Amino acid sequence: MNIIETDIPGPLIIEPRVFGDARGFFMETWNEAGFRDAGLDFSFVQDNHSHSQKGVLRGLHFQNPGPQGKLVRVARGAVFDVAVDLRKSSAHFGKWTGVELSAANNRMFWVPEGFAHGFLTLSDDTDFLYKCTAPYAPQAEHTLAWDDPSVGIEWPVSDLDPIISDKDAFGLALADIPSFA
């Protein structure tokens, strides 16, 4: 696999080896020993699957306490995926990084603990899959406002009117969220 660092320390773009021929393709999306050998020693406790139409914006979610690291990918369709650094001790606190993930590019994105995470679907019938390092804890879940100007995420929404849940519509500003040490 090929590991690409982002402009913020922590989140990583992972390009798995894809073996293709006239029949289609094969790739490993998770191999504990292979990831560990690459310096990525994760332990996952939960897998999730989200299905969305074009223009759905989910996030920016995080848990505190009980933060989750997430290994995310797209099995069908495409998303613009974002991680925001919420670690107060980080020189990159409040900064974001984003990557397009799609069934066509087979990329995965590692979002470490201490980051808010969200995505915007870029095509209809998008299937988004992710593995988590901690179980979902609704009492510890928080939402950072997807459009907080102090974070300044450049969502590719020029031709879209994002479809947002009530929970996500009432996300908090960066100054008001329970950040990490």
Protein backbone atom coordinates (compact mmCIF):
# COMPACT_ATOMS: atom_id res chain seq x y z
CA MET A 1 0.00 0.00 0.00
CA ASN A 2 1.00 3.60 -0.52
CA ILE A 3 0.64 5.99 2.43
CA ILE A 4 0.35 9.72 1.74
CA GLU A 5 0.70 12.27 4.53
CA THR A 6 -1.68 15.22 4.52
CA ASP A 7 -0.89 18.84 5.37
CA ILE A 8 -1.92 18.12 8.99
CA PRO A 9 0.01 15.52 11.00
CA GLY A 10 -2.21 12.52 11.77
CA PRO A 11 -4.70 12.04 8.94
CA LEU A 12 -3.38 9.82 6.15
CA ILE A 13 -4.46 8.92 2.63
CA ILE A 14 -3.99 5.21 2.03
CA GLU A 15 -3.85 3.73 -1.45
CA PRO A 16 -4.24 -0.05 -1.28
CA ARG A 17 -2.77 -2.38 -3.88
CA VAL A 18 -5.47 -3.12 -6.44
CA PHE A 19 -5.21 -6.17 -8.66
CA GLY A 20 -7.41 -5.91 -11.74
CA ASP A 21 -8.09 -7.78 -14.93
CA ALA A 22 -10.97 -8.25 -17.38
CA ARG A 23 -13.12 -9.75 -14.60
CA GLY A 24 -12.84 -6.75 -12.28
CA PHE A 25 -10.50 -6.17 -9.35
CA PHE A 26 -9.42 -7.37 -5.91
CA MET A 27 -7.98 -5.35 -3.03
CA GLU A 28 -7.44 -5.82 0.67
CA THR A 29 -9.17 -3.04 2.58
CA TRP A 30 -7.89 -4.20 5.95
CA ASN A 31 -5.07 -6.51 6.96
CA GLU A 32 -3.95 -6.05 10.56
CA ALA A 33 -0.41 -7.36 10.01
CA GLY A 34 0.04 -5.41 6.76
CA PHE A 35 -1.08 -2.14 8.33
CA ARG A 36 1.02 -2.77 11.45
CA ASP A 37 4.09 -3.45 9.25
CA ALA A 38 3.42 -0.09 7.57
CA GLY A 39 3.45 1.61 11.00
CA LEU A 40 -0.33 1.83 11.28
CA ASP A 41 -1.20 -0.18 14.39
CA PHE A 42 -4.97 0.16 14.78
CA SER A 43 -7.50 -1.95 16.63
CA PHE A 44 -11.07 -1.71 15.37
CA VAL A 45 -14.25 -2.51 17.31
CA GLN A 46 -17.02 -1.43 14.94
CA ASP A 47 -17.78 -1.26 11.19
CA ASN A 48 -20.34 1.17 9.75
CA HIS A 49 -22.00 1.64 6.36
CA SER A 50 -23.68 4.86 5.22
CA HIS A 51 -25.71 5.19 2.01
CA SER A 52 -26.46 8.67 0.64
CA GLN A 53 -27.64 10.54 -2.42
CA LYS A 54 -25.68 13.34 -4.09
CA GLY A 55 -25.43 16.48 -1.99
CA VAL A 56 -25.80 14.89 1.45
CA LEU A 57 -23.40 16.43 3.95
CA ARG A 58 -22.76 14.39 7.11
CA GLY A 59 -20.78 15.82 10.01
CA LEU A 60 -18.60 17.12 11.33
CA HIS A 61 -18.86 14.49 14.07
CA PHE A 62 -16.60 13.48 16.96
CA GLN A 63 -16.84 11.85 20.35
CA ASN A 64 -15.42 13.35 23.53
CA PRO A 65 -14.91 11.45 25.76
CA GLY A 66 -14.37 8.13 23.99
CA PRO A 67 -12.85 9.47 20.75
CA GLN A 68 -12.94 7.32 17.63
CA GLY A 69 -10.26 6.86 15.04
CA LYS A 70 -11.86 6.05 11.66
CA LEU A 71 -10.56 4.28 8.58
CA VAL A 72 -12.97 5.38 5.84
CA ARG A 73 -13.52 4.47 2.20
CA VAL A 74 -16.13 4.57 -0.55
CA ALA A 75 -17.39 1.34 -2.12
CA ARG A 76 -19.74 3.04 -4.60
CA GLY A 77 -19.92 6.68 -5.66
CA ALA A 78 -17.74 9.52 -4.41
CA VAL A 79 -17.34 11.87 -1.45
CA PHE A 80 -15.28 14.83 -0.38
CA ASP A 81 -14.03 13.69 3.02
CA VAL A 82 -12.78 16.08 5.73
CA ALA A 83 -10.91 15.87 9.04
CA VAL A 84 -10.60 18.86 11.41
CA ASP A 85 -7.93 18.90 14.13
CA LEU A 86 -9.58 19.43 17.53
CA ARG A 87 -6.47 18.87 19.66
CA LYS A 88 -5.85 22.10 21.63
CA SER A 89 -2.17 21.17 22.05
CA SER A 90 -1.70 20.86 18.29
CA ALA A 91 -0.11 23.61 16.22
CA HIS A 92 -2.83 22.74 13.68
CA PHE A 93 -5.83 23.16 16.02
CA GLY A 94 -8.90 24.15 13.99
CA LYS A 95 -7.24 23.36 10.65
CA TRP A 96 -8.81 20.97 8.16
CA THR A 97 -7.66 18.62 5.47
CA GLY A 98 -9.78 16.99 2.80
CA VAL A 99 -9.58 14.34 0.12
CA GLU A 100 -11.86 12.93 -2.56
CA LEU A 101 -12.61 9.28 -1.97
CA SER A 102 -14.36 7.26 -4.64
CA ALA A 103 -15.05 3.76 -5.86
CA ALA A 104 -12.90 4.70 -8.86
CA ASN A 105 -9.77 5.78 -6.94
CA ASN A 106 -10.06 3.14 -4.15
CA ARG A 107 -8.40 5.49 -1.68
CA MET A 108 -8.93 5.19 2.07
CA PHE A 109 -8.57 7.96 4.63
CA TRP A 110 -7.36 7.54 8.20
CA VAL A 111 -8.98 10.05 10.58
CA PRO A 112 -7.25 9.77 13.99
CA GLU A 113 -8.77 10.28 17.42
CA GLY A 114 -8.98 13.98 18.28
CA PHE A 115 -10.38 14.99 14.89
CA ALA A 116 -13.89 15.89 13.76
CA HIS A 117 -14.95 14.02 10.63
CA GLY A 118 -17.48 14.66 7.89
CA PHE A 119 -18.15 14.16 4.21
CA LEU A 120 -20.15 15.51 1.29
CA THR A 121 -21.47 13.02 -1.26
CA LEU A 122 -20.55 13.93 -4.82
CA SER A 123 -22.68 11.32 -6.61
CA ASP A 124 -25.97 9.49 -6.18
CA ASP A 125 -26.10 6.11 -4.48
CA THR A 126 -22.86 6.55 -2.58
CA ASP A 127 -21.88 3.78 -0.16
CA PHE A 128 -19.46 4.99 2.51
CA LEU A 129 -17.79 2.40 4.77
CA TYR A 130 -15.76 2.95 7.89
CA LYS A 131 -14.06 1.10 10.70
CA CYS A 132 -13.91 2.66 14.19
CA THR A 133 -11.42 2.25 17.03
CA ALA A 134 -14.09 2.87 19.71
CA PRO A 135 -17.80 2.05 19.85
CA TYR A 136 -20.42 4.65 19.06
CA ALA A 137 -21.40 6.52 22.25
CA PRO A 138 -24.36 8.83 21.55
CA GLN A 139 -23.99 10.58 24.92
CA ALA A 140 -20.45 11.62 23.96
CA GLU A 141 -21.17 12.61 20.34
CA HIS A 142 -20.74 16.23 19.29
CA THR A 143 -21.05 18.11 16.02
CA LEU A 144 -18.74 20.86 14.81
CA ALA A 145 -20.59 23.21 12.44
CA TRP A 146 -19.81 22.18 8.88
CA ASP A 147 -19.80 25.82 7.78
CA ASP A 148 -17.97 27.44 10.72
CA PRO A 149 -16.10 30.37 9.14
CA SER A 150 -13.28 30.09 11.70
CA VAL A 151 -12.47 26.63 10.24
CA GLY A 152 -13.17 27.66 6.64
CA ILE A 153 -13.65 24.30 4.97
CA GLU A 154 -13.76 24.67 1.19
CA TRP A 155 -16.59 22.22 0.49
CA PRO A 156 -17.15 21.63 -3.25
CA VAL A 157 -20.76 22.82 -3.09
CA SER A 158 -20.85 25.35 -5.93
CA ASP A 159 -23.46 23.30 -7.80
CA LEU A 160 -25.06 21.75 -4.70
CA ASP A 161 -27.40 22.83 -1.94
CA PRO A 162 -26.16 20.51 0.84
CA ILE A 163 -28.74 18.22 2.43
CA ILE A 164 -28.09 18.30 6.17
CA SER A 165 -29.72 16.55 9.14
CA ASP A 166 -31.27 18.61 11.93
CA LYS A 167 -28.45 17.49 14.24
CA ASP A 168 -25.78 18.65 11.80
CA ALA A 169 -27.61 21.92 11.09
CA PHE A 170 -27.13 22.85 14.76
CA GLY A 171 -23.42 22.06 14.98
CA LEU A 172 -21.34 24.18 17.32
CA ALA A 173 -18.69 26.72 16.42
CA LEU A 174 -15.07 25.70 16.98
CA ALA A 175 -14.88 28.09 19.96
CA ASP A 176 -17.77 26.25 21.65
CA ILE A 177 -16.90 22.58 21.14
CA PRO A 178 -15.36 20.29 23.79
CA SER A 179 -11.90 20.01 22.27
CA PHE A 180 -9.18 17.51 23.13
CA ALA A 181 -6.06 18.22 25.20
